[in-house]
Amino acid sequence: MSITLYTATGCVRCRMVRQFLEERGLTYNNLDALNEGKQPFRSFYQTNRQAIYRGAEGVEFPVYCDGNVIRQGLPAVLAYLIAGTSLDGFFTQARKHQFKTEILKD
């Protein structure tokens, strides 16, 4: 599994994911989408446009890809790294940092 992490300059959420990966000894390719990784991210985005949310403020970073899945934003990336796909559906890409919530009825 080859991990690519697209990040943005100065992004605290991106730094948190990088730290998480490093603490677990996971190797990854970090591409700063605003600097040296601009062209690779542009190509990645064009190929995977359906899977990447882009709102009025632009793309939310980090964007994680391991060749099997694409996850975007701190909560979704960390959830995937911790629990795999078992937490899919709990997060939406509607707005930055928005969680999908439901009210459970007794």
C-alpha atoms as a PDB file:
ATOM      1  CA  MET A   1       0.000   0.000   0.000  1.00  0.00           C
ATOM      2  CA  SER A   2       1.479   3.295  -1.129  1.00  0.00           C
ATOM      3  CA  ILE A   3       0.155   6.321   0.737  1.00  0.00           C
ATOM      4  CA  THR A   4       0.056   9.757  -0.828  1.00  0.00           C
ATOM      5  CA  LEU A   5      -0.936  12.686   1.329  1.00  0.00           C
ATOM      6  CA  TYR A   6      -1.823  15.946  -0.403  1.00  0.00           C
ATOM      7  CA  THR A   7      -1.398  18.823   2.011  1.00  0.00           C
ATOM      8  CA  ALA A   8      -1.472  22.612   2.040  1.00  0.00           C
ATOM      9  CA  THR A   9       1.200  24.982   3.293  1.00  0.00           C
ATOM     10  CA  GLY A  10       0.642  25.851   6.957  1.00  0.00           C
ATOM     11  CA  CYS A  11      -2.317  23.473   7.372  1.00  0.00           C
ATOM     12  CA  VAL A  12      -2.565  22.342  11.009  1.00  0.00           C
ATOM     13  CA  ARG A  13      -4.887  19.446  10.099  1.00  0.00           C
ATOM     14  CA  CYS A  14      -2.305  18.246   7.584  1.00  0.00           C
ATOM     15  CA  ARG A  15       0.430  18.405  10.194  1.00  0.00           C
ATOM     16  CA  MET A  16      -1.703  16.320  12.566  1.00  0.00           C
ATOM     17  CA  VAL A  17      -2.173  13.570   9.959  1.00  0.00           C
ATOM     18  CA  ARG A  18       1.540  13.578   9.107  1.00  0.00           C
ATOM     19  CA  GLN A  19       2.368  13.231  12.804  1.00  0.00           C
ATOM     20  CA  PHE A  20      -0.142  10.369  13.149  1.00  0.00           C
ATOM     21  CA  LEU A  21       1.429   8.523  10.197  1.00  0.00           C
ATOM     22  CA  GLU A  22       4.971   9.083  11.472  1.00  0.00           C
ATOM     23  CA  GLU A  23       4.144   7.947  15.020  1.00  0.00           C
ATOM     24  CA  ARG A  24       2.903   4.661  13.579  1.00  0.00           C
ATOM     25  CA  GLY A  25       5.896   4.230  11.304  1.00  0.00           C
ATOM     26  CA  LEU A  26       3.827   4.444   8.128  1.00  0.00           C
ATOM     27  CA  THR A  27       5.721   5.677   5.106  1.00  0.00           C
ATOM     28  CA  TYR A  28       3.977   8.138   2.848  1.00  0.00           C
ATOM     29  CA  ASN A  29       4.624  10.572   0.050  1.00  0.00           C
ATOM     30  CA  ASN A  30       3.724  14.118   1.127  1.00  0.00           C
ATOM     31  CA  LEU A  31       2.910  16.556  -1.665  1.00  0.00           C
ATOM     32  CA  ASP A  32       2.185  20.188  -0.815  1.00  0.00           C
ATOM     33  CA  ALA A  33      -0.611  21.010  -3.256  1.00  0.00           C
ATOM     34  CA  LEU A  34       0.191  24.714  -3.043  1.00  0.00           C
ATOM     35  CA  ASN A  35       3.894  24.369  -3.826  1.00  0.00           C
ATOM     36  CA  GLU A  36       5.968  21.515  -5.280  1.00  0.00           C
ATOM     37  CA  GLY A  37       2.958  19.193  -5.408  1.00  0.00           C
ATOM     38  CA  LYS A  38       0.736  21.600  -7.326  1.00  0.00           C
ATOM     39  CA  GLN A  39       0.902  19.811 -10.689  1.00  0.00           C
ATOM     40  CA  PRO A  40       0.617  16.272  -9.249  1.00  0.00           C
ATOM     41  CA  PHE A  41      -2.411  17.367  -7.194  1.00  0.00           C
ATOM     42  CA  ARG A  42      -4.004  19.016 -10.215  1.00  0.00           C
ATOM     43  CA  SER A  43      -3.679  15.749 -12.168  1.00  0.00           C
ATOM     44  CA  PHE A  44      -4.937  13.718  -9.203  1.00  0.00           C
ATOM     45  CA  TYR A  45      -7.908  16.069  -8.769  1.00  0.00           C
ATOM     46  CA  GLN A  46      -8.853  15.926 -12.447  1.00  0.00           C
ATOM     47  CA  THR A  47      -8.758  12.123 -12.407  1.00  0.00           C
ATOM     48  CA  ASN A  48     -10.649  11.797  -9.095  1.00  0.00           C
ATOM     49  CA  ARG A  49     -12.922  14.835  -9.203  1.00  0.00           C
ATOM     50  CA  GLN A  50     -15.987  12.806  -8.155  1.00  0.00           C
ATOM     51  CA  ALA A  51     -14.308  11.724  -4.894  1.00  0.00           C
ATOM     52  CA  ILE A  52     -12.916  15.108  -3.828  1.00  0.00           C
ATOM     53  CA  TYR A  53     -15.129  17.804  -2.369  1.00  0.00           C
ATOM     54  CA  ARG A  54     -14.410  21.351  -3.477  1.00  0.00           C
ATOM     55  CA  GLY A  55     -16.469  24.041  -1.792  1.00  0.00           C
ATOM     56  CA  ALA A  56     -16.553  27.808  -2.053  1.00  0.00           C
ATOM     57  CA  GLU A  57     -13.356  27.966   0.007  1.00  0.00           C
ATOM     58  CA  GLY A  58     -11.592  25.413  -2.183  1.00  0.00           C
ATOM     59  CA  VAL A  59     -10.440  21.886  -1.434  1.00  0.00           C
ATOM     60  CA  GLU A  60     -10.260  20.813   2.183  1.00  0.00           C
ATOM     61  CA  PHE A  61      -6.885  19.328   3.065  1.00  0.00           C
ATOM     62  CA  PRO A  62      -5.443  16.882   3.799  1.00  0.00           C
ATOM     63  CA  VAL A  63      -6.433  14.566   0.978  1.00  0.00           C
ATOM     64  CA  TYR A  64      -5.331  10.970   1.566  1.00  0.00           C
ATOM     65  CA  CYS A  65      -5.000   8.275  -1.095  1.00  0.00           C
ATOM     66  CA  ASP A  66      -3.598   4.770  -0.679  1.00  0.00           C
ATOM     67  CA  GLY A  67      -4.481   3.418  -4.101  1.00  0.00           C
ATOM     68  CA  ASN A  68      -7.718   1.897  -2.798  1.00  0.00           C
ATOM     69  CA  VAL A  69      -9.506   4.796  -1.143  1.00  0.00           C
ATOM     70  CA  ILE A  70      -9.509   8.575  -1.082  1.00  0.00           C
ATOM     71  CA  ARG A  71     -10.352  10.348   2.170  1.00  0.00           C
ATOM     72  CA  GLN A  72     -10.473  14.087   2.709  1.00  0.00           C
ATOM     73  CA  GLY A  73     -10.306  16.217   5.843  1.00  0.00           C
ATOM     74  CA  LEU A  74      -8.902  15.427   9.260  1.00  0.00           C
ATOM     75  CA  PRO A  75     -11.842  13.435  10.718  1.00  0.00           C
ATOM     76  CA  ALA A  76     -12.333  11.211   7.669  1.00  0.00           C
ATOM     77  CA  VAL A  77      -8.611  10.547   7.176  1.00  0.00           C
ATOM     78  CA  LEU A  78      -7.957   9.679  10.826  1.00  0.00           C
ATOM     79  CA  ALA A  79     -11.107   7.538  11.028  1.00  0.00           C
ATOM     80  CA  TYR A  80      -9.942   5.546   8.017  1.00  0.00           C
ATOM     81  CA  LEU A  81      -6.402   5.166   9.371  1.00  0.00           C
ATOM     82  CA  ILE A  82      -7.725   3.934  12.726  1.00  0.00           C
ATOM     83  CA  ALA A  83     -10.742   1.839  11.707  1.00  0.00           C
ATOM     84  CA  GLY A  84     -10.520   1.199   7.970  1.00  0.00           C
ATOM     85  CA  THR A  85     -13.867   1.379   6.213  1.00  0.00           C
ATOM     86  CA  SER A  86     -15.949   0.448   9.278  1.00  0.00           C
ATOM     87  CA  LEU A  87     -16.696   4.139   9.986  1.00  0.00           C
ATOM     88  CA  ASP A  88     -17.672   5.019   6.419  1.00  0.00           C
ATOM     89  CA  GLY A  89     -20.962   6.875   6.334  1.00  0.00           C
ATOM     90  CA  PHE A  90     -20.376   8.793   9.557  1.00  0.00           C
ATOM     91  CA  PHE A  91     -18.728  11.686   7.742  1.00  0.00           C
ATOM     92  CA  THR A  92     -19.937  13.790   4.835  1.00  0.00           C
ATOM     93  CA  GLN A  93     -18.043  16.024   2.475  1.00  0.00           C
ATOM     94  CA  ALA A  94     -20.797  18.656   2.464  1.00  0.00           C
ATOM     95  CA  ARG A  95     -18.860  21.333   4.340  1.00  0.00           C
ATOM     96  CA  LYS A  96     -15.561  21.579   6.124  1.00  0.00           C
ATOM     97  CA  HIS A  97     -15.478  19.588   9.337  1.00  0.00           C
ATOM     98  CA  GLN A  98     -19.139  18.664   9.248  1.00  0.00           C
ATOM     99  CA  PHE A  99     -20.065  15.327  10.731  1.00  0.00           C
ATOM    100  CA  LYS A 100     -23.052  13.330   9.630  1.00  0.00           C
ATOM    101  CA  THR A 101     -25.310  13.028  12.630  1.00  0.00           C
ATOM    102  CA  GLU A 102     -28.571  11.279  13.243  1.00  0.00           C
ATOM    103  CA  ILE A 103     -30.922  11.438  16.183  1.00  0.00           C
ATOM    104  CA  LEU A 104     -31.579   7.987  17.560  1.00  0.00           C
ATOM    105  CA  LYS A 105     -35.069   7.338  18.777  1.00  0.00           C
ATOM    106  CA  ASP A 106     -35.873   4.956  21.578  1.00  0.00           C
END
